[in-house]
N, C-alpha and C. Protein backbone atom coordinates (compact mmCIF):
# COMPACT_ATOMS: atom_id res chain seq x y z
N UNK A 1 73.19 120.79 77.43
CA UNK A 1 74.58 120.61 77.05
C UNK A 1 74.89 119.12 77.02
N UNK A 2 75.50 118.69 75.96
CA UNK A 2 75.86 117.28 75.80
C UNK A 2 77.35 117.10 76.04
N UNK A 3 77.71 115.90 76.41
CA UNK A 3 79.13 115.60 76.59
C UNK A 3 79.58 114.74 75.40
N UNK A 4 80.72 115.07 74.87
CA UNK A 4 81.28 114.36 73.73
C UNK A 4 82.26 113.31 74.27
N UNK A 5 82.37 112.21 73.55
CA UNK A 5 83.23 111.11 74.00
C UNK A 5 84.67 111.56 74.21
N UNK A 6 85.17 112.45 73.35
CA UNK A 6 86.55 112.92 73.49
C UNK A 6 86.73 113.74 74.77
N UNK A 7 85.73 114.54 75.13
CA UNK A 7 85.82 115.32 76.37
C UNK A 7 85.76 114.40 77.58
N UNK A 8 84.94 113.35 77.50
CA UNK A 8 84.88 112.37 78.57
C UNK A 8 86.23 111.69 78.75
N UNK A 9 86.86 111.33 77.64
CA UNK A 9 88.18 110.69 77.71
C UNK A 9 89.23 111.63 78.28
N UNK A 10 89.18 112.91 77.91
CA UNK A 10 90.13 113.88 78.46
C UNK A 10 89.95 114.03 79.97
N UNK A 11 88.70 114.04 80.43
CA UNK A 11 88.44 114.15 81.87
C UNK A 11 88.94 112.91 82.61
N UNK A 12 88.73 111.74 82.02
CA UNK A 12 89.22 110.51 82.63
C UNK A 12 90.75 110.49 82.66
N UNK A 13 91.38 111.00 81.62
CA UNK A 13 92.84 111.05 81.57
C UNK A 13 93.39 111.95 82.68
N UNK A 14 92.70 113.06 82.94
CA UNK A 14 93.12 113.95 84.04
C UNK A 14 92.93 113.28 85.39
N UNK A 15 91.82 112.56 85.54
CA UNK A 15 91.52 111.91 86.82
C UNK A 15 92.40 110.70 87.09
N UNK A 16 92.77 109.99 86.01
CA UNK A 16 93.57 108.77 86.14
C UNK A 16 94.79 108.86 85.24
N UNK A 17 95.80 109.64 85.63
CA UNK A 17 96.97 109.86 84.76
C UNK A 17 97.84 108.61 84.56
N UNK A 18 97.71 107.60 85.43
CA UNK A 18 98.54 106.41 85.31
C UNK A 18 98.00 105.42 84.26
N UNK A 19 96.79 105.64 83.73
CA UNK A 19 96.24 104.78 82.69
C UNK A 19 96.59 105.35 81.32
N UNK A 20 96.82 104.48 80.37
CA UNK A 20 97.07 104.90 78.99
C UNK A 20 95.77 105.33 78.33
N UNK A 21 95.86 106.31 77.45
CA UNK A 21 94.66 106.83 76.79
C UNK A 21 93.97 105.74 75.97
N UNK A 22 94.73 104.89 75.31
CA UNK A 22 94.11 103.83 74.50
C UNK A 22 93.35 102.83 75.36
N UNK A 23 93.82 102.59 76.59
CA UNK A 23 93.09 101.71 77.50
C UNK A 23 91.79 102.35 77.95
N UNK A 24 91.83 103.65 78.24
CA UNK A 24 90.61 104.36 78.62
C UNK A 24 89.61 104.37 77.48
N UNK A 25 90.10 104.54 76.24
CA UNK A 25 89.22 104.51 75.07
C UNK A 25 88.52 103.17 74.94
N UNK A 26 89.26 102.09 75.16
CA UNK A 26 88.67 100.75 75.07
C UNK A 26 87.59 100.55 76.13
N UNK A 27 87.88 100.98 77.34
CA UNK A 27 86.92 100.81 78.43
C UNK A 27 85.64 101.59 78.15
N UNK A 28 85.77 102.84 77.74
CA UNK A 28 84.60 103.66 77.45
C UNK A 28 83.81 103.08 76.29
N UNK A 29 84.50 102.61 75.27
CA UNK A 29 83.82 102.01 74.11
C UNK A 29 83.06 100.75 74.50
N UNK A 30 83.66 99.91 75.33
CA UNK A 30 83.00 98.68 75.77
C UNK A 30 81.75 99.01 76.58
N UNK A 31 81.85 99.95 77.49
CA UNK A 31 80.70 100.33 78.32
C UNK A 31 79.57 100.88 77.46
N UNK A 32 79.89 101.81 76.55
CA UNK A 32 78.86 102.40 75.71
C UNK A 32 78.24 101.35 74.77
N UNK A 33 79.06 100.45 74.26
CA UNK A 33 78.55 99.38 73.40
C UNK A 33 77.59 98.47 74.15
N UNK A 34 77.93 98.12 75.38
CA UNK A 34 77.06 97.26 76.18
C UNK A 34 75.73 97.94 76.49
N UNK A 35 75.77 99.24 76.76
CA UNK A 35 74.52 99.98 76.99
C UNK A 35 73.67 99.96 75.73
N UNK A 36 74.29 100.21 74.57
CA UNK A 36 73.56 100.19 73.29
C UNK A 36 72.94 98.81 73.02
N UNK A 37 73.72 97.76 73.23
CA UNK A 37 73.22 96.41 72.97
C UNK A 37 72.07 96.05 73.90
N UNK A 38 72.15 96.44 75.16
CA UNK A 38 71.08 96.16 76.12
C UNK A 38 69.80 96.89 75.70
N UNK A 39 69.92 98.13 75.27
CA UNK A 39 68.74 98.88 74.84
C UNK A 39 68.16 98.31 73.56
N UNK A 40 69.01 97.83 72.65
CA UNK A 40 68.51 97.19 71.43
C UNK A 40 67.70 95.94 71.76
N UNK A 41 68.15 95.18 72.75
CA UNK A 41 67.43 93.97 73.17
C UNK A 41 66.15 94.30 73.92
N UNK A 42 66.01 95.55 74.34
CA UNK A 42 64.83 95.95 75.12
C UNK A 42 65.06 95.81 76.61
N UNK A 43 66.29 95.55 77.01
CA UNK A 43 66.61 95.44 78.44
C UNK A 43 66.82 96.81 79.05
N UNK A 44 66.86 96.83 80.34
CA UNK A 44 67.11 98.04 81.11
C UNK A 44 68.57 98.02 81.53
N UNK A 45 69.22 99.17 81.56
CA UNK A 45 70.62 99.24 81.95
C UNK A 45 70.75 100.19 83.14
N UNK A 46 71.17 99.64 84.27
CA UNK A 46 71.28 100.43 85.49
C UNK A 46 72.74 100.64 85.85
N UNK A 47 73.13 101.90 86.02
CA UNK A 47 74.46 102.24 86.50
C UNK A 47 74.29 102.81 87.90
N UNK A 48 74.75 102.09 88.88
CA UNK A 48 74.53 102.47 90.28
C UNK A 48 75.07 103.88 90.55
N UNK A 49 74.33 104.64 91.32
CA UNK A 49 74.64 106.02 91.70
C UNK A 49 74.72 106.97 90.50
N UNK A 50 74.24 106.53 89.34
CA UNK A 50 74.21 107.40 88.16
C UNK A 50 72.80 107.48 87.61
N UNK A 51 72.26 106.34 87.18
CA UNK A 51 70.91 106.37 86.65
C UNK A 51 70.55 105.10 85.91
N UNK A 52 69.36 105.11 85.30
CA UNK A 52 68.83 103.95 84.60
C UNK A 52 68.47 104.36 83.18
N UNK A 53 68.96 103.58 82.21
CA UNK A 53 68.57 103.74 80.81
C UNK A 53 67.56 102.66 80.49
N UNK A 54 66.47 103.03 79.85
CA UNK A 54 65.47 102.05 79.42
C UNK A 54 64.84 102.55 78.13
N UNK A 55 64.02 101.68 77.52
CA UNK A 55 63.34 102.09 76.29
C UNK A 55 61.84 102.13 76.53
N UNK A 56 61.19 103.07 75.89
CA UNK A 56 59.74 103.16 75.88
C UNK A 56 59.28 102.89 74.46
N UNK A 57 58.17 102.19 74.32
CA UNK A 57 57.63 101.91 73.00
C UNK A 57 56.51 102.90 72.71
N UNK A 58 56.68 103.63 71.61
CA UNK A 58 55.63 104.54 71.17
C UNK A 58 54.78 103.78 70.16
N UNK A 59 53.50 103.69 70.41
CA UNK A 59 52.60 102.92 69.55
C UNK A 59 52.48 103.57 68.17
N UNK A 60 52.11 102.73 67.20
CA UNK A 60 51.85 103.24 65.85
C UNK A 60 50.61 104.11 65.92
N UNK A 61 50.60 105.17 65.13
CA UNK A 61 49.46 106.09 65.17
C UNK A 61 49.34 106.83 63.85
N UNK A 62 48.25 107.51 63.72
CA UNK A 62 48.06 108.37 62.55
C UNK A 62 48.31 109.80 63.01
N UNK A 63 49.33 110.42 62.44
CA UNK A 63 49.65 111.80 62.78
C UNK A 63 49.42 112.65 61.55
N UNK A 64 49.73 113.92 61.65
CA UNK A 64 49.53 114.77 60.48
C UNK A 64 50.76 115.61 60.23
N UNK A 65 50.99 115.90 58.98
CA UNK A 65 52.09 116.76 58.56
C UNK A 65 51.69 118.20 58.88
N UNK A 66 52.44 118.91 59.73
CA UNK A 66 52.02 120.26 60.12
C UNK A 66 52.04 121.27 58.96
N UNK A 67 52.87 121.02 57.96
CA UNK A 67 52.96 121.96 56.84
C UNK A 67 51.75 121.84 55.90
N UNK A 68 51.38 120.58 55.59
CA UNK A 68 50.31 120.38 54.61
C UNK A 68 48.98 119.97 55.23
N UNK A 69 49.01 119.48 56.46
CA UNK A 69 47.79 118.99 57.10
C UNK A 69 47.44 117.58 56.68
N UNK A 70 48.27 116.95 55.85
CA UNK A 70 48.02 115.61 55.34
C UNK A 70 48.21 114.58 56.46
N UNK A 71 47.35 113.56 56.50
CA UNK A 71 47.48 112.50 57.50
C UNK A 71 48.60 111.55 57.08
N UNK A 72 49.41 111.15 58.07
CA UNK A 72 50.57 110.29 57.82
C UNK A 72 50.56 109.16 58.84
N UNK A 73 50.81 107.94 58.37
CA UNK A 73 50.94 106.80 59.29
C UNK A 73 52.33 106.82 59.91
N UNK A 74 52.38 106.84 61.24
CA UNK A 74 53.65 106.80 61.95
C UNK A 74 53.81 105.41 62.54
N UNK A 75 54.85 104.67 62.18
CA UNK A 75 55.01 103.30 62.69
C UNK A 75 55.42 103.29 64.17
N UNK A 76 55.29 102.12 64.77
CA UNK A 76 55.73 101.94 66.16
C UNK A 76 57.24 102.13 66.23
N UNK A 77 57.69 102.77 67.30
CA UNK A 77 59.14 102.97 67.46
C UNK A 77 59.50 102.99 68.94
N UNK A 78 60.79 102.81 69.19
CA UNK A 78 61.30 102.84 70.57
C UNK A 78 62.04 104.15 70.80
N UNK A 79 61.91 104.67 72.01
CA UNK A 79 62.67 105.85 72.39
C UNK A 79 63.42 105.54 73.68
N UNK A 80 64.53 106.22 73.89
CA UNK A 80 65.36 105.98 75.07
C UNK A 80 64.89 106.89 76.19
N UNK A 81 64.79 106.31 77.38
CA UNK A 81 64.39 107.05 78.57
C UNK A 81 65.51 106.94 79.60
N UNK A 82 65.86 108.06 80.23
CA UNK A 82 66.90 108.06 81.27
C UNK A 82 66.31 108.60 82.55
N UNK A 83 66.54 107.91 83.64
CA UNK A 83 66.10 108.38 84.95
C UNK A 83 67.32 108.41 85.86
N UNK A 84 67.65 109.60 86.36
CA UNK A 84 68.84 109.71 87.20
C UNK A 84 68.57 109.20 88.61
N UNK A 85 69.63 108.77 89.27
CA UNK A 85 69.50 108.24 90.63
C UNK A 85 69.36 109.39 91.62
N UNK A 86 68.92 109.05 92.82
CA UNK A 86 68.77 110.06 93.87
C UNK A 86 70.12 110.67 94.23
N UNK A 87 71.18 109.84 94.24
CA UNK A 87 72.51 110.35 94.57
C UNK A 87 72.99 111.37 93.54
N UNK A 88 72.76 111.08 92.26
CA UNK A 88 73.15 112.01 91.20
C UNK A 88 72.34 113.30 91.31
N UNK A 89 71.06 113.18 91.60
CA UNK A 89 70.21 114.35 91.76
C UNK A 89 70.72 115.25 92.89
N UNK A 90 71.11 114.62 94.00
CA UNK A 90 71.63 115.38 95.14
C UNK A 90 72.95 116.07 94.79
N UNK A 91 73.83 115.37 94.07
CA UNK A 91 75.12 115.97 93.69
C UNK A 91 74.92 117.15 92.75
N UNK A 92 74.01 117.02 91.81
CA UNK A 92 73.76 118.10 90.85
C UNK A 92 73.17 119.31 91.55
N UNK A 93 72.28 119.08 92.51
CA UNK A 93 71.59 120.17 93.19
C UNK A 93 72.23 120.59 94.51
N UNK A 94 73.44 120.09 94.77
CA UNK A 94 74.20 120.46 95.98
C UNK A 94 73.41 120.24 97.25
N UNK A 95 72.71 119.11 97.34
CA UNK A 95 71.92 118.79 98.52
C UNK A 95 72.68 117.87 99.48
N UNK A 96 73.99 117.83 99.41
CA UNK A 96 74.76 116.90 100.24
C UNK A 96 74.86 117.39 101.66
């Protein structure tokens, strides 16, 4: 299950009713933009008590098309890796 930005903003609005929705939108946008920019640069982004976002580099390789069996060159690419913190793991699994 994925969380949508609008649902995140609605949850923040419920938790912090004294903040304006447009201010919450700006804050969330800035945070998500900074995470994206850090990952584009190849940096690691750590959010304390939540987790770590980082990128892994998948090497270029020769793969095959499963439909035709034809060999295809796959270029090098980056993928996003997320590792949750121990505190988040405990909260999710009710180990408090």
